[in-house]
Protein backbone atom coordinates (compact mmCIF):
# COMPACT_ATOMS: atom_id res chain seq x y z
CA MET A 1 -2.11 -2.33 -1.99
CA THR A 2 0.44 0.47 -1.96
CA ILE A 3 0.65 3.83 -3.68
CA PRO A 4 3.32 3.93 -6.43
CA ASN A 5 5.70 6.89 -6.41
CA GLY A 6 4.28 9.68 -8.52
CA ILE A 7 2.38 12.95 -8.75
CA TYR A 8 -1.20 12.97 -7.46
CA PHE A 9 -4.22 15.01 -6.61
CA ILE A 10 -5.18 13.94 -3.06
CA GLU A 11 -8.96 14.12 -2.99
CA LYS A 12 -11.95 13.78 -0.70
CA THR A 13 -14.28 14.27 -3.67
CA GLU A 14 -13.53 14.83 -7.35
CA VAL A 15 -13.40 18.59 -6.79
CA GLN A 16 -12.09 18.89 -3.20
CA VAL A 17 -8.35 18.36 -2.93
CA LEU A 18 -5.66 18.90 -0.30
CA THR A 19 -4.29 22.40 -0.88
CA PHE A 20 -1.87 24.77 0.85
CA GLN A 21 -3.69 28.02 1.61
CA ASN A 22 -0.76 30.05 0.20
CA ASN A 23 2.83 29.53 -0.96
CA GLU A 24 4.71 30.19 2.25
CA GLU A 25 5.97 28.03 5.08
CA LYS A 26 3.43 27.08 7.77
CA SER A 27 0.51 27.78 5.47
CA PHE A 28 -2.58 25.86 6.59
CA VAL A 29 -3.76 22.89 4.57
CA ILE A 30 -7.35 23.28 3.42
CA LEU A 31 -9.81 21.32 1.33
CA ILE A 32 -11.01 23.21 -1.76
CA GLU A 33 -11.32 22.95 -5.51
CA SER A 34 -7.72 23.36 -6.64
CA ASP A 35 -5.10 22.27 -9.15
CA GLN A 36 -2.40 21.64 -6.51
CA THR A 37 -0.64 18.32 -6.92
CA TRP A 38 1.56 16.32 -4.60
CA ILE A 39 4.72 14.27 -5.10
CA VAL A 40 4.18 11.04 -3.18
CA LYS A 41 7.38 9.11 -2.61
CA GLU A 42 7.96 5.91 -0.67
CA THR A 43 10.88 5.98 1.78
CA SER A 44 13.29 3.12 2.47
CA ASP A 45 11.28 2.09 5.55
CA GLY A 46 7.96 1.84 3.69
CA ASN A 47 6.55 5.18 4.82
CA TYR A 48 5.87 8.07 2.41
CA THR A 49 6.68 11.73 2.03
CA ILE A 50 4.01 14.01 0.59
CA GLN A 51 5.49 17.12 -1.03
CA ASN A 52 3.65 19.89 -2.83
CA LYS A 53 4.79 19.89 -6.46
CA GLY A 54 4.34 23.64 -6.88
CA ASP A 55 6.28 25.06 -3.95
CA GLY A 56 8.24 22.07 -2.63
CA TYR A 57 6.89 22.23 0.93
CA PHE A 58 6.01 19.02 2.74
CA LEU A 59 2.68 18.11 4.32
CA ALA A 60 3.26 18.05 8.09
CA PRO A 61 1.59 18.74 11.44
CA VAL A 62 2.06 22.28 12.75
CA ASP A 63 3.47 20.89 16.03
CA LYS A 64 5.95 18.03 16.33
CA GLN A 65 3.91 16.60 19.19
CA ILE A 66 1.11 14.40 17.84
CA TYR A 67 -2.38 15.11 19.21
CA GLU A 68 -6.05 15.40 18.21
CA ASN A 69 -6.79 18.34 15.89
CA ASN A 70 -3.12 19.24 15.34
CA HIS A 71 -3.52 21.25 12.11
CA LEU A 72 -1.53 20.39 9.00
CA VAL A 73 0.69 22.98 7.36
CA SER A 74 3.42 23.39 4.77
CA LYS A 75 6.95 22.79 6.08
CA ARG A 76 10.45 22.76 4.64
CA ASP A 77 11.41 19.71 6.71
CA LEU A 78 10.12 16.43 5.40
CA PHE A 79 7.60 14.48 7.41
CA GLU A 80 6.84 10.82 6.85
CA TRP A 81 3.39 9.28 6.63
CA ARG A 82 2.03 5.76 6.52
CA ILE A 83 -0.47 5.29 3.69
CA GLN A 84 -2.75 2.33 4.26
CA PRO A 85 -5.81 0.98 2.45
CA SER A 86 -9.20 1.91 3.89
CA SER A 87 -12.35 -0.19 3.94
CA VAL A 88 -13.27 1.37 0.57
CA PRO A 89 -11.34 -0.04 -2.42
CA GLY A 90 -9.05 2.59 -3.95
CA ARG A 91 -9.17 4.92 -0.94
CA PHE A 92 -6.44 5.27 1.66
CA HIS A 93 -5.86 6.54 5.17
CA ILE A 94 -2.88 8.90 5.62
CA VAL A 95 -1.58 8.01 9.09
CA VAL A 96 1.20 9.22 11.39
CA PRO A 97 3.65 6.28 11.50
CA GLY A 98 5.19 4.85 14.64
CA GLY A 99 2.18 3.36 16.32
CA PRO A 100 -0.30 4.61 18.83
CA VAL A 101 0.24 7.84 20.78
CA ASP A 102 -1.57 7.67 24.11
CA GLY A 103 -3.36 4.58 22.81
CA ARG A 104 -4.58 6.18 19.55
CA GLU A 105 -3.35 6.39 15.99
CA PHE A 106 -3.82 9.65 14.11
CA ALA A 107 -4.81 10.22 10.50
CA VAL A 108 -5.26 13.15 8.13
CA ASP A 109 -8.88 14.34 8.26
CA LEU A 110 -11.06 17.44 8.49
CA ALA A 111 -10.29 19.66 11.48
CA LEU A 112 -12.84 20.03 14.27
CA GLU A 113 -13.59 23.68 13.40
CA LEU A 114 -16.66 24.05 11.22
CA ILE A 115 -15.36 26.70 8.82
CA ILE A 116 -15.24 27.21 5.08
CA PRO A 117 -12.95 26.27 3.53
CA PRO A 118 -12.35 23.36 5.92
CA LYS A 119 -8.89 23.06 7.48
CA ILE A 120 -7.12 19.72 7.66
CA ALA A 121 -5.78 18.24 10.91
CA LEU A 122 -4.79 15.04 12.64
CA ARG A 123 -7.76 13.13 14.00
CA SER A 124 -8.08 9.77 15.70
CA LEU A 125 -7.92 7.04 13.06
CA ARG A 126 -11.27 5.43 12.33
CA ASP A 127 -10.31 2.42 10.18
CA GLU A 128 -13.85 1.59 9.10
CA ASP A 129 -14.95 5.19 8.39
CA PRO A 130 -14.82 5.81 4.62
CA SER A 131 -15.22 9.57 5.11
CA GLN A 132 -11.74 9.69 6.65
CA ALA A 133 -10.10 8.07 3.60
CA TRP A 134 -8.49 9.82 0.62
CA PHE A 135 -8.33 9.07 -3.09
CA PHE A 136 -4.95 9.49 -4.81
CA ARG A 137 -5.66 10.47 -8.43
CA LYS A 138 -2.48 10.05 -10.47
CA VAL A 139 -1.50 12.89 -12.79
CA ASP A 140 -0.56 11.65 -16.26
């Protein structure tokens, strides 16, 4: 199953959605109750871009190097993601494409810091862990 191109809320729960902390470049991505929506668009190679509909910034890691707990931020430059089904029907993992880095694949998940609101970061992909998956709720 793939995600059709469109505008979505990207949710952990019905009220917690991926959100840029503010409307400037390199703003942290957090998980809160929000009305921010995302333009999800498939690229020619089967990956996806995830762009904030409100400010036009792309969802991307803060550093180009891929590693555990690399926080996600808003960036002007597009970044591609692989969106793959999880073990829970209708939920998906958002994964860095290109295969393992140092033997691991990395996916969008909660950062290691236990703060409120939670920040979002790259974490080692856990295919069978439903808590790491996201629901893409299409905006009509």
